[in-house]
C-alpha atoms as a PDB file:
ATOM      1  CA  MET A   1      50.597  -3.713  -8.130  1.00  0.00           C
ATOM      2  CA  THR A   2      51.963  -3.139  -4.654  1.00  0.00           C
ATOM      3  CA  PHE A   3      51.057  -3.741  -1.062  1.00  0.00           C
ATOM      4  CA  VAL A   4      50.234  -0.788   1.165  1.00  0.00           C
ATOM      5  CA  VAL A   5      50.626  -0.221   4.890  1.00  0.00           C
ATOM      6  CA  GLY A   6      47.434   1.303   6.228  1.00  0.00           C
ATOM      7  CA  GLU A   7      46.337   3.339   9.200  1.00  0.00           C
ATOM      8  CA  ASN A   8      46.284   0.607  11.823  1.00  0.00           C
ATOM      9  CA  CYS A   9      50.085   0.401  11.715  1.00  0.00           C
ATOM     10  CA  ILE A  10      50.355   3.894  13.204  1.00  0.00           C
ATOM     11  CA  LYS A  11      51.544   3.590  16.815  1.00  0.00           C
ATOM     12  CA  CYS A  12      51.470  -0.231  16.549  1.00  0.00           C
ATOM     13  CA  LYS A  13      54.461  -0.626  14.206  1.00  0.00           C
ATOM     14  CA  HIS A  14      54.994  -4.356  14.478  1.00  0.00           C
ATOM     15  CA  THR A  15      57.889  -5.403  12.262  1.00  0.00           C
ATOM     16  CA  ASP A  16      57.036  -9.064  11.640  1.00  0.00           C
ATOM     17  CA  CYS A  17      56.338  -8.116   8.008  1.00  0.00           C
ATOM     18  CA  VAL A  18      59.843  -6.745   7.511  1.00  0.00           C
ATOM     19  CA  GLU A  19      61.524 -10.039   8.268  1.00  0.00           C
ATOM     20  CA  VAL A  20      59.667 -11.983   5.546  1.00  0.00           C
ATOM     21  CA  CYS A  21      60.095  -9.420   2.751  1.00  0.00           C
ATOM     22  CA  PRO A  22      62.395 -10.904   0.082  1.00  0.00           C
ATOM     23  CA  VAL A  23      63.196  -7.517  -1.479  1.00  0.00           C
ATOM     24  CA  ASP A  24      63.554  -5.351   1.653  1.00  0.00           C
ATOM     25  CA  CYS A  25      60.957  -2.795   0.538  1.00  0.00           C
ATOM     26  CA  PHE A  26      59.908  -1.611   4.007  1.00  0.00           C
ATOM     27  CA  TYR A  27      60.882   1.789   5.361  1.00  0.00           C
ATOM     28  CA  GLU A  28      60.602   2.916   8.962  1.00  0.00           C
ATOM     29  CA  GLY A  29      59.391   6.140  10.488  1.00  0.00           C
ATOM     30  CA  PRO A  30      59.068   7.038  14.150  1.00  0.00           C
ATOM     31  CA  ASN A  31      55.733   5.250  14.637  1.00  0.00           C
ATOM     32  CA  PHE A  32      54.763   3.767  11.260  1.00  0.00           C
ATOM     33  CA  LEU A  33      56.130   1.549   8.490  1.00  0.00           C
ATOM     34  CA  VAL A  34      55.643   1.992   4.754  1.00  0.00           C
ATOM     35  CA  ILE A  35      56.200  -0.121   1.642  1.00  0.00           C
ATOM     36  CA  HIS A  36      58.051   1.349  -1.325  1.00  0.00           C
ATOM     37  CA  PRO A  37      55.679   0.766  -4.263  1.00  0.00           C
ATOM     38  CA  ASP A  38      58.461   0.605  -6.856  1.00  0.00           C
ATOM     39  CA  GLU A  39      60.333  -2.075  -4.906  1.00  0.00           C
ATOM     40  CA  CYS A  40      57.413  -4.286  -3.846  1.00  0.00           C
ATOM     41  CA  ILE A  41      57.165  -7.407  -5.999  1.00  0.00           C
ATOM     42  CA  ASP A  42      53.621  -8.274  -4.907  1.00  0.00           C
ATOM     43  CA  CYS A  43      54.698 -11.515  -3.253  1.00  0.00           C
ATOM     44  CA  ALA A  44      52.050 -11.172  -0.512  1.00  0.00           C
ATOM     45  CA  LEU A  45      54.297 -12.629   2.187  1.00  0.00           C
ATOM     46  CA  CYS A  46      53.967  -9.573   4.419  1.00  0.00           C
ATOM     47  CA  GLU A  47      50.191  -9.349   4.581  1.00  0.00           C
ATOM     48  CA  PRO A  48      49.527 -12.432   6.755  1.00  0.00           C
ATOM     49  CA  GLU A  49      52.461 -11.568   9.032  1.00  0.00           C
ATOM     50  CA  CYS A  50      50.923  -8.292  10.218  1.00  0.00           C
ATOM     51  CA  PRO A  51      49.332  -8.984  13.614  1.00  0.00           C
ATOM     52  CA  VAL A  52      47.062  -5.922  13.332  1.00  0.00           C
ATOM     53  CA  GLY A  53      45.872  -6.386   9.733  1.00  0.00           C
ATOM     54  CA  ALA A  54      47.421  -3.146   8.522  1.00  0.00           C
ATOM     55  CA  ILE A  55      48.785  -4.392   5.186  1.00  0.00           C
ATOM     56  CA  PHE A  56      46.598  -4.479   2.101  1.00  0.00           C
ATOM     57  CA  SER A  57      46.973  -5.347  -1.538  1.00  0.00           C
ATOM     58  CA  GLU A  58      46.656  -2.123  -3.518  1.00  0.00           C
ATOM     59  CA  ASP A  59      43.451  -3.332  -5.151  1.00  0.00           C
ATOM     60  CA  GLU A  60      41.952  -4.286  -1.760  1.00  0.00           C
ATOM     61  CA  LEU A  61      42.868  -1.096   0.072  1.00  0.00           C
ATOM     62  CA  PRO A  62      39.756   0.139   1.900  1.00  0.00           C
ATOM     63  CA  GLU A  63      38.339   3.260   0.288  1.00  0.00           C
ATOM     64  CA  ASP A  64      38.695   5.241   3.507  1.00  0.00           C
ATOM     65  CA  GLN A  65      42.448   4.514   3.439  1.00  0.00           C
ATOM     66  CA  SER A  66      43.167   5.422  -0.182  1.00  0.00           C
ATOM     67  CA  GLU A  67      45.455   8.267   0.949  1.00  0.00           C
ATOM     68  CA  PHE A  68      47.866   5.641   2.312  1.00  0.00           C
ATOM     69  CA  LEU A  69      48.884   4.571  -1.196  1.00  0.00           C
ATOM     70  CA  LYS A  70      50.351   8.024  -1.822  1.00  0.00           C
ATOM     71  CA  LEU A  71      51.642   8.299   1.744  1.00  0.00           C
ATOM     72  CA  ASN A  72      53.570   5.008   1.470  1.00  0.00           C
ATOM     73  CA  ALA A  73      55.222   6.171  -1.758  1.00  0.00           C
ATOM     74  CA  GLU A  74      56.080   9.598  -0.344  1.00  0.00           C
ATOM     75  CA  LEU A  75      57.530   8.429   2.974  1.00  0.00           C
ATOM     76  CA  ALA A  76      59.463   5.499   1.464  1.00  0.00           C
ATOM     77  CA  GLU A  77      61.566   8.085  -0.360  1.00  0.00           C
ATOM     78  CA  ILE A  78      62.682   9.812   2.845  1.00  0.00           C
ATOM     79  CA  TRP A  79      62.628   7.216   5.624  1.00  0.00           C
ATOM     80  CA  PRO A  80      65.415   4.651   6.187  1.00  0.00           C
ATOM     81  CA  ASN A  81      65.086   1.083   5.004  1.00  0.00           C
ATOM     82  CA  ILE A  82      64.345  -1.546   7.657  1.00  0.00           C
ATOM     83  CA  THR A  83      65.303  -5.186   7.113  1.00  0.00           C
ATOM     84  CA  GLU A  84      65.238  -6.779  10.565  1.00  0.00           C
ATOM     85  CA  ILE A  85      62.505  -7.313  13.105  1.00  0.00           C
ATOM     86  CA  LYS A  86      62.467  -4.953  16.084  1.00  0.00           C
ATOM     87  CA  GLU A  87      60.514  -4.887  19.305  1.00  0.00           C
ATOM     88  CA  SER A  88      57.051  -3.379  18.965  1.00  0.00           C
ATOM     89  CA  PRO A  89      56.133  -0.288  20.989  1.00  0.00           C
ATOM     90  CA  ALA A  90      55.148  -1.164  24.560  1.00  0.00           C
ATOM     91  CA  ASP A  91      51.661   0.277  24.064  1.00  0.00           C
ATOM     92  CA  ALA A  92      51.053  -1.208  20.600  1.00  0.00           C
ATOM     93  CA  GLU A  93      48.250  -3.449  21.814  1.00  0.00           C
ATOM     94  CA  GLN A  94      46.334  -0.451  23.170  1.00  0.00           C
ATOM     95  CA  TRP A  95      46.446   1.248  19.751  1.00  0.00           C
ATOM     96  CA  ASP A  96      45.277  -1.736  17.707  1.00  0.00           C
ATOM     97  CA  GLY A  97      41.980  -0.866  16.035  1.00  0.00           C
ATOM     98  CA  VAL A  98      41.799   2.712  17.277  1.00  0.00           C
ATOM     99  CA  PRO A  99      40.119   4.779  14.518  1.00  0.00           C
ATOM    100  CA  GLY A 100      41.482   8.081  13.238  1.00  0.00           C
ATOM    101  CA  LYS A 101      45.143   7.357  13.941  1.00  0.00           C
ATOM    102  CA  ILE A 102      46.366   9.391  10.936  1.00  0.00           C
ATOM    103  CA  GLN A 103      46.508  12.397  13.260  1.00  0.00           C
ATOM    104  CA  TYR A 104      49.233  10.628  15.274  1.00  0.00           C
ATOM    105  CA  LEU A 105      51.498   9.866  12.321  1.00  0.00           C
ATOM    106  CA  GLU A 106      54.981  11.190  13.039  1.00  0.00           C
ATOM    107  CA  ARG A 107      57.051  12.087  10.040  1.00  0.00           C
END
């Protein structure tokens, strides 16, 4: 099993989760983070660190976000690895909880 970064990370992209990951399985895109499913060891350390509740256990991924399981796997293969915390986007707070953010995902 793996953890999955869901839709609410788009345009929020807080990196608190990255710093606690013992296996460095996070990958960074322009406005979104993903977890590499083959590297995640299911330690669950990242989930409580996400200030916008965008990380889910694979078996608790909301049905309306099921596409994010595949999206995390796909993008983790092409985006660079991130291992250190970075500053969040200046407007991250404004994007927290906004529905339908998939349309803003930058690849």
